[in-house]
Protein backbone atom coordinates (compact mmCIF):
# COMPACT_ATOMS: atom_id res chain seq x y z
CA MET A 1 -13.70 -3.00 -12.51
CA ASN A 2 -13.09 -0.59 -9.64
CA ILE A 3 -9.28 -0.87 -9.56
CA GLU A 4 -7.24 1.91 -7.96
CA ILE A 5 -3.71 3.04 -8.81
CA ALA A 6 -2.01 4.14 -5.57
CA PRO A 7 1.18 6.13 -6.18
CA SER A 8 3.91 5.32 -3.65
CA ILE A 9 5.75 8.41 -2.45
CA LEU A 10 8.86 6.33 -1.73
CA SER A 11 9.80 6.99 -5.36
CA ALA A 12 8.75 10.65 -5.44
CA ASP A 13 11.01 13.68 -5.40
CA PHE A 14 10.93 14.62 -1.71
CA SER A 15 12.26 18.10 -2.46
CA ASN A 16 9.10 18.69 -4.51
CA LEU A 17 6.70 16.36 -2.73
CA ALA A 18 3.62 18.57 -2.43
CA ASN A 19 3.71 19.36 -6.14
CA GLU A 20 4.17 15.72 -7.13
CA ILE A 21 1.21 14.70 -4.97
CA LYS A 22 -0.95 17.40 -6.55
CA LYS A 23 -0.07 15.98 -9.97
CA CYS A 24 -1.13 12.50 -8.83
CA GLU A 25 -4.41 13.86 -7.53
CA LYS A 26 -5.04 15.80 -10.74
CA ALA A 27 -4.35 12.60 -12.73
CA GLY A 28 -7.19 10.87 -10.90
CA ALA A 29 -5.35 8.95 -8.17
CA ARG A 30 -7.46 8.73 -5.02
CA ILE A 31 -5.04 6.83 -2.77
CA LEU A 32 -1.53 7.83 -1.73
CA HIS A 33 0.66 4.98 -0.48
CA ILE A 34 3.11 5.99 2.25
CA ASP A 35 5.86 3.58 3.30
CA VAL A 36 7.02 4.00 6.89
CA MET A 37 10.31 2.18 7.62
CA ASP A 38 12.15 2.09 10.93
CA GLY A 39 15.56 0.63 10.12
CA HIS A 40 14.70 -2.48 12.20
CA PHE A 41 11.89 -4.41 10.53
CA VAL A 42 13.47 -3.38 7.23
CA PRO A 43 16.96 -1.98 6.72
CA ASN A 44 15.86 1.41 5.42
CA ILE A 45 14.52 4.45 7.29
CA THR A 46 11.90 6.76 5.79
CA ILE A 47 9.35 9.05 7.43
CA GLY A 48 7.31 9.57 10.59
CA PRO A 49 4.02 11.15 11.67
CA VAL A 50 5.28 14.70 11.13
CA VAL A 51 5.46 14.10 7.36
CA ILE A 52 1.97 12.58 7.33
CA GLU A 53 0.70 15.65 9.15
CA SER A 54 2.24 17.90 6.49
CA LEU A 55 0.80 15.81 3.65
CA ARG A 56 -2.65 15.86 5.21
CA LYS A 57 -2.69 19.65 4.82
CA LYS A 58 -1.84 19.39 1.12
CA THR A 59 -4.19 16.71 -0.20
CA LYS A 60 -7.62 15.17 0.16
CA MET A 61 -6.36 11.82 -1.12
CA ILE A 62 -6.70 8.74 1.08
CA LEU A 63 -3.45 8.42 3.03
CA ASP A 64 -2.66 4.70 2.98
CA THR A 65 0.07 4.36 5.62
CA HIS A 66 2.09 1.14 5.41
CA LEU A 67 3.93 0.49 8.67
CA MET A 68 7.06 -1.55 7.96
CA ILE A 69 8.13 -1.30 11.58
CA THR A 70 8.85 -3.71 14.43
CA GLU A 71 6.47 -2.24 17.04
CA PRO A 72 3.46 -0.84 15.19
CA LYS A 73 1.38 -0.81 18.38
CA LYS A 74 3.42 2.13 19.72
CA TYR A 75 2.73 4.27 16.68
CA ILE A 76 -0.92 3.64 15.80
CA GLU A 77 -2.18 6.72 17.65
CA PRO A 78 0.53 9.13 16.40
CA PHE A 79 -0.08 8.15 12.78
CA ALA A 80 -3.84 8.33 13.26
CA LYS A 81 -3.59 11.81 14.82
CA ALA A 82 -1.30 12.93 11.99
CA GLY A 83 -4.03 12.26 9.45
CA SER A 84 -3.66 8.71 8.12
CA ASP A 85 -6.87 7.19 6.75
CA TRP A 86 -5.69 3.59 6.50
CA LEU A 87 -3.07 1.87 8.66
CA THR A 88 -1.48 -1.37 7.53
CA PHE A 89 0.95 -3.34 9.68
CA HIS A 90 2.95 -6.50 8.96
CA ILE A 91 1.71 -9.78 10.38
CA GLU A 92 5.35 -10.78 10.81
CA ALA A 93 5.88 -7.91 13.28
CA VAL A 94 3.13 -8.61 15.83
CA LYS A 95 2.00 -11.39 18.18
CA ASN A 96 -1.65 -10.37 18.48
CA PRO A 97 -2.97 -9.00 15.17
CA SER A 98 -6.59 -8.90 16.37
CA ALA A 99 -5.77 -6.47 19.17
CA LEU A 100 -4.00 -4.16 16.76
CA ILE A 101 -6.85 -4.31 14.24
CA LYS A 102 -9.31 -3.35 17.02
CA LYS A 103 -7.07 -0.47 18.09
CA ILE A 104 -6.89 0.90 14.55
CA LYS A 105 -10.64 0.61 14.06
CA SER A 106 -11.33 2.26 17.44
CA LEU A 107 -9.61 5.34 16.00
CA LYS A 108 -12.02 5.28 13.01
CA LEU A 109 -9.36 4.19 10.50
CA LYS A 110 -9.37 1.33 8.01
CA ALA A 111 -7.20 -1.59 9.18
CA GLY A 112 -4.90 -3.62 6.97
CA ILE A 113 -2.39 -6.44 7.30
CA SER A 114 0.57 -6.92 4.98
CA ILE A 115 2.37 -10.18 4.24
CA ASN A 116 5.93 -10.59 3.02
CA PRO A 117 6.80 -12.82 0.03
CA ALA A 118 7.83 -15.70 2.33
CA THR A 119 4.63 -15.58 4.43
CA PRO A 120 1.80 -17.90 3.34
CA VAL A 121 -1.75 -16.63 2.86
CA SER A 122 -2.93 -19.17 5.44
CA LYS A 123 -1.44 -16.98 8.20
CA LEU A 124 -4.16 -14.42 7.46
CA SER A 125 -7.20 -16.68 7.39
CA LYS A 126 -8.37 -16.15 10.97
CA TYR A 127 -8.21 -12.35 10.65
CA LEU A 128 -9.94 -11.81 7.33
CA LYS A 129 -13.37 -11.06 8.81
CA GLU A 130 -11.81 -8.24 10.87
CA LEU A 131 -9.84 -6.53 8.10
CA ASP A 132 -10.54 -3.84 5.53
CA LEU A 133 -7.36 -4.42 3.51
CA VAL A 134 -4.75 -7.08 2.78
CA LEU A 135 -1.48 -5.86 1.30
CA VAL A 136 0.50 -8.47 -0.61
CA MET A 137 4.19 -7.64 -0.88
CA SER A 138 5.42 -8.66 -4.32
CA VAL A 139 9.01 -7.72 -3.41
CA ASN A 140 10.94 -8.06 -0.17
CA PRO A 141 10.11 -4.92 1.81
CA GLY A 142 12.58 -2.14 2.43
CA PHE A 143 13.67 -0.74 -0.91
CA GLY A 144 11.99 0.72 -3.98
CA GLY A 145 12.75 -0.36 -7.52
CA GLN A 146 12.92 -4.13 -6.98
CA GLY A 147 11.72 -6.71 -9.48
CA PHE A 148 8.26 -8.28 -9.14
CA ILE A 149 8.20 -11.74 -7.49
CA PRO A 150 5.86 -13.90 -9.64
CA SER A 151 4.74 -16.13 -6.74
CA ALA A 152 2.71 -13.14 -5.53
CA LEU A 153 0.18 -13.85 -8.29
CA LYS A 154 -0.99 -17.09 -6.68
CA LYS A 155 -1.27 -15.34 -3.32
CA ILE A 156 -3.49 -12.67 -4.82
CA SER A 157 -5.62 -15.32 -6.53
CA ASP A 158 -5.92 -17.35 -3.31
CA LEU A 159 -6.86 -14.26 -1.32
CA LYS A 160 -9.50 -13.32 -3.88
CA LYS A 161 -11.17 -16.70 -3.32
CA LEU A 162 -10.90 -16.46 0.46
CA THR A 163 -12.34 -12.94 0.58
CA LYS A 164 -15.10 -13.28 -2.04
CA ASN A 165 -17.79 -12.89 0.63
CA GLU A 166 -15.93 -10.25 2.63
CA ASN A 167 -15.68 -6.50 2.07
CA ILE A 168 -11.87 -6.54 1.86
CA LYS A 169 -9.61 -4.78 -0.61
CA ILE A 170 -6.57 -6.63 -1.93
CA SER A 171 -3.60 -4.34 -2.49
CA VAL A 172 -0.32 -5.30 -4.16
CA ASP A 173 2.98 -3.52 -3.57
CA GLY A 174 6.33 -4.04 -5.26
CA GLY A 175 7.67 -4.18 -8.78
CA ILE A 176 4.44 -2.98 -10.37
CA ASN A 177 5.20 -1.44 -13.73
CA PHE A 178 3.94 -1.27 -17.30
CA ASP A 179 4.86 -4.96 -17.81
CA THR A 180 3.39 -6.43 -14.61
CA ILE A 181 0.25 -4.44 -13.82
CA SER A 182 -2.11 -6.40 -16.06
CA ASP A 183 -1.09 -9.69 -14.42
CA VAL A 184 -1.93 -8.55 -10.88
CA VAL A 185 -5.25 -7.05 -11.97
CA LYS A 186 -6.23 -10.26 -13.80
CA VAL A 187 -5.79 -12.39 -10.66
CA GLY A 188 -7.76 -10.08 -8.40
CA ALA A 189 -5.89 -7.00 -7.15
CA ASP A 190 -8.18 -4.12 -6.17
CA ILE A 191 -5.40 -1.61 -5.43
CA VAL A 192 -2.09 -1.44 -7.28
CA VAL A 193 0.74 0.40 -5.53
CA ALA A 194 3.12 1.96 -8.05
CA GLY A 195 6.28 3.90 -7.27
CA ASN A 196 8.93 4.07 -9.98
CA SER A 197 6.35 3.51 -12.70
CA VAL A 198 4.54 6.70 -11.62
CA PHE A 199 7.38 8.97 -10.56
CA ARG A 200 10.41 7.70 -12.50
CA SER A 201 9.09 6.21 -15.73
CA GLY A 202 10.48 8.92 -17.99
CA LEU A 203 6.93 10.11 -18.65
CA SER A 204 5.03 12.78 -16.76
CA ILE A 205 3.16 11.66 -13.66
CA ALA A 206 -0.16 12.15 -15.45
CA ARG A 207 0.93 10.14 -18.50
CA SER A 208 2.40 7.40 -16.31
CA ILE A 209 -0.84 6.97 -14.36
CA LYS A 210 -2.84 7.06 -17.59
CA LYS A 211 -0.64 4.36 -19.12
CA LEU A 212 -0.96 2.15 -16.03
CA LYS A 213 -4.73 2.48 -16.19
CA VAL A 214 -4.79 1.58 -19.87
CA LEU A 215 -2.56 -1.47 -19.33
CA ALA A 216 -4.79 -2.57 -16.48
CA ASN A 217 -7.78 -2.23 -18.82
CA LEU A 218 -9.27 0.49 -16.67
CA GLU A 219 -9.61 2.94 -19.55
């Protein structure tokens, strides 16, 4: 199985961010998940393009930028120019997903759509042929450290069936830890976003990623 562990920098030590990212890269992580929050779509505020630009200079990892913002259309180009490789927006935040997908792809980036726990998979069906990535939120977006919502497992399973003939990655974000990772992998996740379980597990970053891989039966 070609499953990826994508550390989420929302849980990293921002005073030591470059070093923490280097540790993730050295541990074999290829994707770095970056949560962008605007204080409107979700109640928290995190980072903007300037941070992405700084990260781009420090790592060759794929920068998977997750836009939890109300007007993603305004910020596609700034985040692309800053060095993002993938841009994922929330279907709940836009009226015309197809136009946004085309815009992202015109900038030579991978395009993703994320769905909140309350949003049914059926909302995505008409866009699946256009997408590179679907991000299933397994917590309500906006804060790190929340508990995994079990109903996400059926969504992942349903998406796996819907995308079996498409070249789409299924990513899962929220509450992924040593107890829940095997469940999401079993039902079809391709990418597992992990924050606290990488950066705040009590183990080193390398040992945390290793343990997640073992529990996901990747090693």
